[in-house]
C-alpha cells in the first residue's frame, strides 16, 4: 500500500532534515542545471569532463558516507537498483566473472576503481598544453577569488599582489581591490 509521509519524514534538527531542506531549496532555486553543465566557451572539453568526474566522485563519496551506516552486508546483501535490477562486480582482474557482492563491498570496490581511473595520468593528465591554458587558469582563479571574497576568507591586503594579474584578468583586480 501507499501512504504519504507527514511533512518530509525526517526529524527536525537531524542531518537528513537539513540535507532535505537544502535539496528541496536547490530544486526551487531557479538554477537551470541543463545550462550549468554545458561546456563554457573557450574551455577544453576534456578538462571540463575531468573536473566534473572528480567533483561527482567527491560528492558521491560524501553522500555514501552519510548513508553507509544504514547499508550493511546484512541490510544490503546485494547491490541493486530497486527490486528489478541487481549489479554484479567484474573488474577483469580480481573478479573475472560478474560476481554478486553485498552493496557495501560493491561500492567500496567501485570507489577504489574510480579513484584509480582518476589517478591514471593517461586518462586524467596532470599537465595541460599551453594552448588554451589562459582561459582555464582564469576560470579557476576567478572561482577561487570570488569564493574567498564572498566569505571574507582572505583579507583584502592579502589579495593586493593579485593586482599585477590585471592583464590576464581584466577589470577584476581593480574593481575589487582598488
N, C-alpha and C. Protein backbone atom coordinates (compact mmCIF):
# COMPACT_ATOMS: atom_id res chain seq x y z
N UNK A 1 0.83 -1.19 0.00
CA UNK A 1 0.00 0.00 0.00
C UNK A 1 0.87 1.25 0.00
N UNK A 2 0.27 2.34 -0.39
CA UNK A 2 0.98 3.61 -0.48
C UNK A 2 0.41 4.56 0.55
N UNK A 3 1.29 5.11 1.36
CA UNK A 3 0.89 6.13 2.31
C UNK A 3 1.83 7.31 2.19
N UNK A 4 1.29 8.48 2.18
CA UNK A 4 2.13 9.67 2.10
C UNK A 4 2.71 9.97 3.47
N UNK A 5 3.99 10.30 3.50
CA UNK A 5 4.64 10.65 4.76
C UNK A 5 4.17 12.01 5.22
N UNK A 6 4.18 12.18 6.52
CA UNK A 6 3.87 13.50 7.08
C UNK A 6 5.07 14.40 6.84
N UNK A 7 4.85 15.62 6.44
CA UNK A 7 5.90 16.59 6.12
C UNK A 7 6.95 15.93 5.23
N UNK A 8 8.22 15.95 5.68
CA UNK A 8 9.26 15.36 4.85
C UNK A 8 9.74 14.02 5.39
N UNK A 9 9.24 13.60 6.56
CA UNK A 9 9.61 12.31 7.11
C UNK A 9 10.90 12.29 7.89
N UNK A 10 11.62 13.41 7.99
CA UNK A 10 12.89 13.46 8.71
C UNK A 10 12.73 14.33 9.95
N UNK A 11 13.19 13.86 11.10
CA UNK A 11 13.07 14.66 12.33
C UNK A 11 13.85 15.98 12.21
N UNK A 12 13.21 17.06 12.64
CA UNK A 12 13.86 18.37 12.58
C UNK A 12 15.13 18.36 13.42
N UNK A 13 16.17 19.03 12.91
CA UNK A 13 17.44 19.11 13.61
C UNK A 13 18.42 18.01 13.24
N UNK A 14 17.99 17.04 12.42
CA UNK A 14 18.90 15.96 12.01
C UNK A 14 19.60 16.35 10.72
N UNK A 15 20.70 15.66 10.44
CA UNK A 15 21.44 15.89 9.20
C UNK A 15 20.55 15.64 7.99
N UNK A 16 19.78 14.58 8.03
CA UNK A 16 18.89 14.28 6.90
C UNK A 16 17.87 15.38 6.68
N UNK A 17 17.34 15.93 7.75
CA UNK A 17 16.38 17.03 7.63
C UNK A 17 17.04 18.22 6.94
N UNK A 18 18.26 18.57 7.39
CA UNK A 18 18.99 19.69 6.79
C UNK A 18 19.29 19.44 5.32
N UNK A 19 19.74 18.21 5.00
CA UNK A 19 20.03 17.88 3.60
C UNK A 19 18.76 17.94 2.76
N UNK A 20 17.66 17.46 3.32
CA UNK A 20 16.38 17.51 2.59
C UNK A 20 16.00 18.96 2.30
N UNK A 21 16.14 19.83 3.30
CA UNK A 21 15.81 21.24 3.10
C UNK A 21 16.68 21.86 2.01
N UNK A 22 17.99 21.55 2.05
CA UNK A 22 18.90 22.10 1.05
C UNK A 22 18.58 21.56 -0.34
N UNK A 23 18.31 20.26 -0.42
CA UNK A 23 17.98 19.66 -1.72
C UNK A 23 16.69 20.26 -2.26
N UNK A 24 15.72 20.41 -1.39
CA UNK A 24 14.44 20.98 -1.80
C UNK A 24 14.61 22.42 -2.26
N UNK A 25 15.44 23.17 -1.54
CA UNK A 25 15.70 24.57 -1.92
C UNK A 25 16.39 24.63 -3.27
N UNK A 26 17.32 23.70 -3.52
CA UNK A 26 18.03 23.73 -4.80
C UNK A 26 17.10 23.40 -5.95
N UNK A 27 16.08 22.59 -5.69
CA UNK A 27 15.12 22.27 -6.74
C UNK A 27 14.31 23.49 -7.14
N UNK A 28 14.15 24.40 -6.21
CA UNK A 28 13.34 25.60 -6.47
C UNK A 28 14.20 26.86 -6.53
N UNK A 29 15.50 26.69 -6.74
CA UNK A 29 16.41 27.84 -6.71
C UNK A 29 16.44 28.63 -8.01
N UNK A 30 15.84 28.09 -9.05
CA UNK A 30 15.87 28.77 -10.33
C UNK A 30 17.11 28.47 -11.14
N UNK A 31 18.00 27.63 -10.62
CA UNK A 31 19.20 27.26 -11.36
C UNK A 31 18.82 26.29 -12.47
N UNK A 32 19.23 26.61 -13.67
CA UNK A 32 18.98 25.73 -14.81
C UNK A 32 20.16 24.78 -14.94
N UNK A 33 20.05 23.59 -14.36
CA UNK A 33 21.17 22.65 -14.36
C UNK A 33 21.55 22.22 -15.77
N UNK A 34 20.60 22.18 -16.69
CA UNK A 34 20.95 21.85 -18.09
C UNK A 34 21.91 22.88 -18.65
N UNK A 35 21.71 24.13 -18.28
CA UNK A 35 22.58 25.21 -18.74
C UNK A 35 23.93 25.16 -18.02
N UNK A 36 23.91 24.87 -16.73
CA UNK A 36 25.12 24.87 -15.91
C UNK A 36 26.12 23.82 -16.39
N UNK A 37 25.64 22.68 -16.89
CA UNK A 37 26.56 21.61 -17.27
C UNK A 37 27.13 21.78 -18.67
N UNK A 38 26.62 22.72 -19.43
CA UNK A 38 27.13 22.92 -20.79
C UNK A 38 28.57 23.42 -20.77
N UNK A 39 29.33 23.01 -21.77
CA UNK A 39 30.72 23.44 -21.89
C UNK A 39 30.77 24.94 -22.14
N UNK A 40 31.44 25.69 -21.25
CA UNK A 40 31.56 27.13 -21.47
C UNK A 40 32.43 27.43 -22.69
N UNK A 41 32.21 28.58 -23.31
CA UNK A 41 33.04 28.97 -24.45
C UNK A 41 34.51 29.01 -24.05
N UNK A 42 35.37 28.63 -24.96
CA UNK A 42 36.83 28.67 -24.79
C UNK A 42 37.36 27.71 -23.73
N UNK A 43 36.56 26.73 -23.30
CA UNK A 43 37.03 25.72 -22.35
C UNK A 43 37.28 24.42 -23.10
N UNK A 44 38.26 23.67 -22.66
CA UNK A 44 38.59 22.39 -23.25
C UNK A 44 37.61 21.33 -22.74
N UNK A 45 37.03 20.56 -23.64
CA UNK A 45 36.04 19.54 -23.27
C UNK A 45 36.63 18.53 -22.29
N UNK A 46 37.84 18.05 -22.56
CA UNK A 46 38.44 17.05 -21.67
C UNK A 46 38.67 17.60 -20.27
N UNK A 47 39.11 18.85 -20.17
CA UNK A 47 39.28 19.47 -18.85
C UNK A 47 37.94 19.59 -18.14
N UNK A 48 36.92 20.01 -18.89
CA UNK A 48 35.59 20.19 -18.32
C UNK A 48 35.06 18.85 -17.80
N UNK A 49 35.22 17.80 -18.59
CA UNK A 49 34.76 16.47 -18.16
C UNK A 49 35.55 15.98 -16.95
N UNK A 50 36.86 16.17 -16.97
CA UNK A 50 37.70 15.71 -15.86
C UNK A 50 37.32 16.39 -14.55
N UNK A 51 37.12 17.69 -14.60
CA UNK A 51 36.74 18.43 -13.40
C UNK A 51 35.43 17.90 -12.84
N UNK A 52 34.48 17.62 -13.71
CA UNK A 52 33.18 17.15 -13.25
C UNK A 52 33.23 15.70 -12.76
N UNK A 53 34.03 14.86 -13.39
CA UNK A 53 34.18 13.49 -12.90
C UNK A 53 34.70 13.51 -11.47
N UNK A 54 35.75 14.29 -11.23
CA UNK A 54 36.33 14.37 -9.89
C UNK A 54 35.32 14.97 -8.91
N UNK A 55 34.61 16.01 -9.33
CA UNK A 55 33.62 16.65 -8.47
C UNK A 55 32.50 15.67 -8.11
N UNK A 56 31.96 14.96 -9.10
CA UNK A 56 30.90 13.98 -8.82
C UNK A 56 31.41 12.87 -7.92
N UNK A 57 32.63 12.40 -8.16
CA UNK A 57 33.22 11.35 -7.33
C UNK A 57 33.28 11.82 -5.88
N UNK A 58 33.75 13.04 -5.66
CA UNK A 58 33.84 13.57 -4.30
C UNK A 58 32.46 13.73 -3.66
N UNK A 59 31.50 14.21 -4.42
CA UNK A 59 30.14 14.39 -3.88
C UNK A 59 29.50 13.04 -3.55
N UNK A 60 29.69 12.07 -4.42
CA UNK A 60 29.13 10.74 -4.17
C UNK A 60 29.77 10.12 -2.94
N UNK A 61 31.07 10.33 -2.75
CA UNK A 61 31.74 9.84 -1.54
C UNK A 61 31.11 10.44 -0.29
N UNK A 62 30.81 11.73 -0.32
CA UNK A 62 30.18 12.38 0.83
C UNK A 62 28.79 11.79 1.07
N UNK A 63 28.02 11.65 0.02
CA UNK A 63 26.67 11.09 0.15
C UNK A 63 26.74 9.67 0.71
N UNK A 64 27.63 8.86 0.16
CA UNK A 64 27.74 7.49 0.64
C UNK A 64 28.19 7.46 2.10
N UNK A 65 29.06 8.37 2.48
CA UNK A 65 29.49 8.45 3.87
C UNK A 65 28.34 8.69 4.83
N UNK A 66 27.30 9.36 4.36
CA UNK A 66 26.13 9.65 5.18
C UNK A 66 25.22 8.42 5.28
N UNK A 67 25.06 7.69 4.18
CA UNK A 67 24.11 6.57 4.17
C UNK A 67 24.74 5.22 4.48
N UNK A 68 26.06 5.12 4.54
CA UNK A 68 26.70 3.80 4.68
C UNK A 68 26.34 3.09 5.97
N UNK A 69 26.03 3.82 7.02
CA UNK A 69 25.67 3.15 8.27
C UNK A 69 24.34 2.40 8.16
N UNK A 70 23.53 2.77 7.18
CA UNK A 70 22.24 2.11 7.00
C UNK A 70 22.29 0.99 5.98
N UNK A 71 23.39 0.91 5.26
CA UNK A 71 23.54 -0.12 4.22
C UNK A 71 24.71 -1.02 4.61
N UNK A 72 24.38 -2.11 5.28
CA UNK A 72 25.39 -3.06 5.74
C UNK A 72 25.26 -4.35 4.93
N UNK A 73 26.18 -5.27 5.14
CA UNK A 73 26.08 -6.56 4.45
C UNK A 73 24.77 -7.26 4.81
N UNK A 74 24.27 -7.02 6.02
CA UNK A 74 23.02 -7.65 6.45
C UNK A 74 21.81 -6.97 5.81
N UNK A 75 21.81 -5.62 5.80
CA UNK A 75 20.64 -4.90 5.27
C UNK A 75 20.67 -4.76 3.75
N UNK A 76 21.86 -4.85 3.16
CA UNK A 76 22.01 -4.71 1.71
C UNK A 76 22.88 -5.86 1.19
N UNK A 77 22.34 -7.08 1.15
CA UNK A 77 23.14 -8.25 0.77
C UNK A 77 23.54 -8.27 -0.71
N UNK A 78 22.95 -7.38 -1.50
CA UNK A 78 23.31 -7.30 -2.92
C UNK A 78 23.25 -5.85 -3.35
N UNK A 79 24.04 -5.51 -4.35
CA UNK A 79 23.99 -4.16 -4.93
C UNK A 79 22.84 -4.18 -5.92
N UNK A 80 21.84 -3.36 -5.66
CA UNK A 80 20.66 -3.39 -6.53
C UNK A 80 20.21 -1.99 -6.89
N UNK A 81 19.45 -1.94 -7.94
CA UNK A 81 18.82 -0.70 -8.38
C UNK A 81 17.32 -0.90 -8.33
N UNK A 82 16.81 -1.07 -7.12
CA UNK A 82 15.40 -1.38 -6.94
C UNK A 82 15.19 -2.88 -7.04
N UNK A 83 13.94 -3.32 -7.00
CA UNK A 83 13.66 -4.76 -6.98
C UNK A 83 13.94 -5.48 -8.30
N UNK A 84 14.02 -4.76 -9.39
CA UNK A 84 14.19 -5.41 -10.70
C UNK A 84 15.64 -5.55 -11.15
N UNK A 85 16.56 -4.79 -10.56
CA UNK A 85 17.92 -4.76 -11.08
C UNK A 85 18.94 -5.09 -9.99
N UNK A 86 19.89 -5.93 -10.35
CA UNK A 86 20.97 -6.29 -9.44
C UNK A 86 22.28 -6.13 -10.18
N UNK A 87 23.26 -5.52 -9.52
CA UNK A 87 24.56 -5.29 -10.12
C UNK A 87 25.55 -6.34 -9.62
N UNK A 88 26.35 -6.88 -10.53
CA UNK A 88 27.39 -7.84 -10.19
C UNK A 88 28.73 -7.21 -10.55
N UNK A 89 29.75 -7.43 -9.70
CA UNK A 89 31.05 -6.81 -9.91
C UNK A 89 31.92 -7.68 -10.81
N UNK A 90 32.56 -7.02 -11.78
CA UNK A 90 33.51 -7.69 -12.67
C UNK A 90 34.55 -6.66 -13.06
N UNK A 91 35.79 -6.86 -12.56
CA UNK A 91 36.84 -5.90 -12.90
C UNK A 91 37.87 -6.48 -13.85
N UNK A 92 37.72 -7.76 -14.19
CA UNK A 92 38.65 -8.40 -15.12
C UNK A 92 39.98 -8.78 -14.50
N UNK A 93 40.19 -8.43 -13.22
CA UNK A 93 41.45 -8.75 -12.54
C UNK A 93 41.18 -9.70 -11.37
N UNK A 94 40.53 -9.18 -10.34
CA UNK A 94 40.21 -9.99 -9.16
C UNK A 94 38.88 -10.72 -9.33
N UNK A 95 38.00 -10.14 -10.08
CA UNK A 95 36.69 -10.72 -10.36
C UNK A 95 36.55 -10.83 -11.87
N UNK A 96 36.92 -11.98 -12.39
CA UNK A 96 36.92 -12.16 -13.85
C UNK A 96 35.52 -12.41 -14.39
N UNK A 97 34.64 -12.94 -13.56
CA UNK A 97 33.24 -13.17 -13.94
C UNK A 97 32.36 -12.27 -13.08
N UNK A 98 31.23 -11.80 -13.62
CA UNK A 98 30.32 -11.00 -12.81
C UNK A 98 29.96 -11.74 -11.52
N UNK A 99 30.18 -11.06 -10.38
CA UNK A 99 30.02 -11.68 -9.07
C UNK A 99 29.08 -10.85 -8.20
N UNK A 100 28.10 -11.54 -7.61
CA UNK A 100 27.19 -10.87 -6.68
C UNK A 100 27.95 -10.56 -5.40
N UNK A 101 27.88 -9.31 -4.96
CA UNK A 101 28.55 -8.87 -3.74
C UNK A 101 27.57 -8.07 -2.88
N UNK A 102 27.79 -8.05 -1.57
CA UNK A 102 26.99 -7.14 -0.74
C UNK A 102 27.23 -5.69 -1.19
N UNK A 103 26.21 -4.87 -1.10
CA UNK A 103 26.32 -3.49 -1.58
C UNK A 103 27.51 -2.73 -1.01
N UNK A 104 27.81 -2.81 0.29
CA UNK A 104 28.97 -2.05 0.79
C UNK A 104 30.29 -2.48 0.14
N UNK A 105 30.44 -3.77 -0.10
CA UNK A 105 31.66 -4.26 -0.74
C UNK A 105 31.71 -3.81 -2.20
N UNK A 106 30.58 -3.90 -2.89
CA UNK A 106 30.49 -3.46 -4.29
C UNK A 106 30.86 -1.97 -4.39
N UNK A 107 30.27 -1.17 -3.51
CA UNK A 107 30.52 0.28 -3.55
C UNK A 107 31.97 0.58 -3.22
N UNK A 108 32.53 -0.13 -2.25
CA UNK A 108 33.95 0.07 -1.92
C UNK A 108 34.85 -0.23 -3.10
N UNK A 109 34.59 -1.34 -3.78
CA UNK A 109 35.39 -1.70 -4.96
C UNK A 109 35.19 -0.68 -6.08
N UNK A 110 33.95 -0.22 -6.26
CA UNK A 110 33.66 0.77 -7.29
C UNK A 110 34.40 2.08 -7.01
N UNK A 111 34.36 2.53 -5.77
CA UNK A 111 35.04 3.78 -5.42
C UNK A 111 36.55 3.65 -5.63
N UNK A 112 37.12 2.50 -5.25
CA UNK A 112 38.55 2.28 -5.47
C UNK A 112 38.87 2.29 -6.96
N UNK A 113 38.00 1.67 -7.76
CA UNK A 113 38.22 1.60 -9.21
C UNK A 113 38.17 3.01 -9.82
N UNK A 114 37.15 3.78 -9.44
CA UNK A 114 37.02 5.14 -9.98
C UNK A 114 38.22 5.98 -9.57
N UNK A 115 38.63 5.87 -8.31
CA UNK A 115 39.78 6.64 -7.84
C UNK A 115 41.04 6.26 -8.62
N UNK A 116 41.21 4.97 -8.92
CA UNK A 116 42.36 4.53 -9.71
C UNK A 116 42.31 5.14 -11.11
N UNK A 117 41.11 5.24 -11.69
CA UNK A 117 40.97 5.85 -13.02
C UNK A 117 41.34 7.33 -12.95
N UNK A 118 40.85 8.01 -11.91
CA UNK A 118 41.13 9.44 -11.75
C UNK A 118 42.63 9.67 -11.58
N UNK A 119 43.31 8.77 -10.89
CA UNK A 119 44.75 8.91 -10.64
C UNK A 119 45.60 8.42 -11.81
N UNK A 120 44.99 7.88 -12.85
CA UNK A 120 45.70 7.41 -14.03
C UNK A 120 45.99 8.61 -14.93
N UNK A 121 47.26 8.99 -15.02
CA UNK A 121 47.63 10.19 -15.79
C UNK A 121 47.38 10.05 -17.28
N UNK A 122 47.23 8.82 -17.77
CA UNK A 122 46.89 8.66 -19.19
C UNK A 122 45.44 9.08 -19.43
N UNK A 123 44.59 8.88 -18.44
CA UNK A 123 43.18 9.28 -18.57
C UNK A 123 42.95 10.71 -18.09
N UNK A 124 43.64 11.09 -17.02
CA UNK A 124 43.48 12.41 -16.42
C UNK A 124 44.86 13.05 -16.27
N UNK A 125 45.42 13.59 -17.36
CA UNK A 125 46.77 14.18 -17.28
C UNK A 125 46.83 15.32 -16.27
N UNK A 126 47.96 15.39 -15.58
CA UNK A 126 48.15 16.46 -14.60
C UNK A 126 48.65 17.73 -15.26
N UNK A 127 49.29 17.59 -16.42
CA UNK A 127 49.80 18.76 -17.12
C UNK A 127 48.86 19.10 -18.27
N UNK A 128 48.82 20.38 -18.59
CA UNK A 128 47.95 20.87 -19.65
C UNK A 128 48.81 21.57 -20.67
N UNK A 129 48.50 21.39 -21.96
CA UNK A 129 49.22 22.12 -23.00
C UNK A 129 49.04 23.62 -22.80
N UNK A 130 50.00 24.39 -23.29
CA UNK A 130 49.92 25.84 -23.19
C UNK A 130 48.75 26.42 -23.96
N UNK A 131 48.34 25.76 -25.05
CA UNK A 131 47.23 26.26 -25.85
C UNK A 131 45.95 26.23 -25.02
N UNK A 132 45.30 27.35 -24.94
CA UNK A 132 44.03 27.43 -24.24
C UNK A 132 44.16 27.40 -22.73
N UNK A 133 45.38 27.48 -22.22
CA UNK A 133 45.58 27.42 -20.78
C UNK A 133 45.06 28.67 -20.08
N UNK A 134 45.22 29.83 -20.72
CA UNK A 134 44.83 31.08 -20.07
C UNK A 134 43.36 31.10 -19.66
N UNK A 135 42.42 30.73 -20.54
CA UNK A 135 41.02 30.73 -20.10
C UNK A 135 40.77 29.78 -18.93
N UNK A 136 41.45 28.64 -18.95
CA UNK A 136 41.28 27.67 -17.87
C UNK A 136 41.81 28.23 -16.55
N UNK A 137 42.99 28.82 -16.60
CA UNK A 137 43.57 29.42 -15.39
C UNK A 137 42.67 30.56 -14.91
N UNK A 138 42.20 31.39 -15.83
CA UNK A 138 41.31 32.49 -15.45
C UNK A 138 40.07 31.98 -14.73
N UNK A 139 39.46 30.93 -15.29
CA UNK A 139 38.25 30.39 -14.68
C UNK A 139 38.53 29.86 -13.28
N UNK A 140 39.61 29.10 -13.13
CA UNK A 140 39.97 28.57 -11.81
C UNK A 140 40.25 29.71 -10.83
N UNK A 141 41.02 30.69 -11.31
CA UNK A 141 41.36 31.82 -10.45
C UNK A 141 40.10 32.59 -10.03
N UNK A 142 39.26 32.91 -10.99
CA UNK A 142 38.04 33.67 -10.68
C UNK A 142 37.18 32.92 -9.67
N UNK A 143 37.04 31.61 -9.85
CA UNK A 143 36.24 30.80 -8.93
C UNK A 143 36.81 30.93 -7.51
N UNK A 144 38.13 30.76 -7.39
CA UNK A 144 38.79 30.89 -6.09
C UNK A 144 38.60 32.30 -5.53
N UNK A 145 38.89 33.29 -6.36
CA UNK A 145 38.84 34.69 -5.91
C UNK A 145 37.44 35.06 -5.42
N UNK A 146 36.43 34.76 -6.21
CA UNK A 146 35.07 35.10 -5.82
C UNK A 146 34.65 34.36 -4.55
N UNK A 147 35.10 33.12 -4.41
CA UNK A 147 34.75 32.34 -3.22
C UNK A 147 35.36 32.96 -1.97
N UNK A 148 36.67 33.24 -2.01
CA UNK A 148 37.32 33.78 -0.80
C UNK A 148 36.85 35.19 -0.48
N UNK A 149 36.48 35.98 -1.48
CA UNK A 149 35.99 37.32 -1.18
C UNK A 149 34.53 37.28 -0.73
N UNK A 150 33.74 36.39 -1.27
CA UNK A 150 32.33 36.26 -0.86
C UNK A 150 32.22 35.95 0.63
N UNK A 151 33.10 35.10 1.12
CA UNK A 151 33.02 34.67 2.52
C UNK A 151 34.10 35.31 3.40
N UNK A 152 34.78 36.33 2.87
CA UNK A 152 35.82 37.04 3.63
C UNK A 152 36.83 36.08 4.25
N UNK A 153 37.26 35.11 3.48
CA UNK A 153 38.21 34.11 3.96
C UNK A 153 39.63 34.67 3.93
N UNK A 154 39.91 35.52 2.97
CA UNK A 154 41.24 36.11 2.83
C UNK A 154 41.08 37.63 2.97
N UNK A 155 41.94 38.23 3.80
CA UNK A 155 41.87 39.67 3.99
C UNK A 155 42.23 40.39 2.70
N UNK A 156 41.63 41.58 2.50
CA UNK A 156 41.86 42.36 1.28
C UNK A 156 43.35 42.62 1.04
N UNK A 157 44.08 42.94 2.11
CA UNK A 157 45.51 43.25 1.96
C UNK A 157 46.28 42.04 1.43
N UNK A 158 45.81 40.83 1.74
CA UNK A 158 46.48 39.62 1.27
C UNK A 158 46.25 39.40 -0.23
N UNK A 159 45.24 40.05 -0.77
CA UNK A 159 44.93 39.91 -2.19
C UNK A 159 45.63 40.97 -3.05
N UNK A 160 46.30 41.93 -2.42
CA UNK A 160 46.95 43.02 -3.15
C UNK A 160 47.93 42.53 -4.22
N UNK A 161 48.71 41.47 -3.99
CA UNK A 161 49.63 41.01 -5.04
C UNK A 161 48.91 40.60 -6.33
N UNK A 162 47.64 40.33 -6.24
CA UNK A 162 46.89 39.91 -7.42
C UNK A 162 46.59 41.06 -8.37
N UNK A 163 46.81 42.29 -7.91
CA UNK A 163 46.59 43.45 -8.78
C UNK A 163 47.44 43.32 -10.04
N UNK A 164 48.63 42.75 -9.93
CA UNK A 164 49.52 42.57 -11.08
C UNK A 164 49.00 41.60 -12.11
N UNK A 165 47.95 40.90 -11.83
CA UNK A 165 47.41 39.92 -12.77
C UNK A 165 46.43 40.58 -13.73
N UNK A 166 46.24 41.89 -13.60
CA UNK A 166 45.26 42.61 -14.42
C UNK A 166 45.27 42.25 -15.90
N UNK A 167 46.43 42.16 -16.57
CA UNK A 167 46.37 41.85 -18.00
C UNK A 167 45.71 40.50 -18.29
N UNK A 168 45.89 39.53 -17.40
CA UNK A 168 45.29 38.22 -17.62
C UNK A 168 43.83 38.24 -17.22
N UNK A 169 43.54 38.99 -16.17
CA UNK A 169 42.18 39.06 -15.64
C UNK A 169 41.70 40.51 -15.68
N UNK A 170 41.33 41.00 -16.84
CA UNK A 170 40.98 42.41 -16.97
C UNK A 170 39.84 42.81 -16.04
N UNK A 171 40.00 43.97 -15.45
CA UNK A 171 39.00 44.62 -14.60
C UNK A 171 38.77 43.96 -13.25
N UNK A 172 39.13 42.71 -13.09
CA UNK A 172 38.83 42.02 -11.85
C UNK A 172 39.59 42.62 -10.67
N UNK A 173 40.91 42.75 -10.82
CA UNK A 173 41.73 43.20 -9.69
C UNK A 173 41.34 44.62 -9.26
N UNK A 174 41.27 45.54 -10.20
CA UNK A 174 40.97 46.93 -9.83
C UNK A 174 39.55 47.07 -9.29
N UNK A 175 38.63 46.39 -9.87
CA UNK A 175 37.24 46.53 -9.46
C UNK A 175 37.07 46.12 -7.99
N UNK A 176 37.81 45.09 -7.55
CA UNK A 176 37.61 44.58 -6.20
C UNK A 176 38.68 45.02 -5.21
N UNK A 177 39.83 45.46 -5.68
CA UNK A 177 40.92 45.78 -4.77
C UNK A 177 41.18 47.27 -4.65
N UNK A 178 40.75 48.07 -5.61
CA UNK A 178 41.07 49.49 -5.59
C UNK A 178 40.05 50.28 -4.79
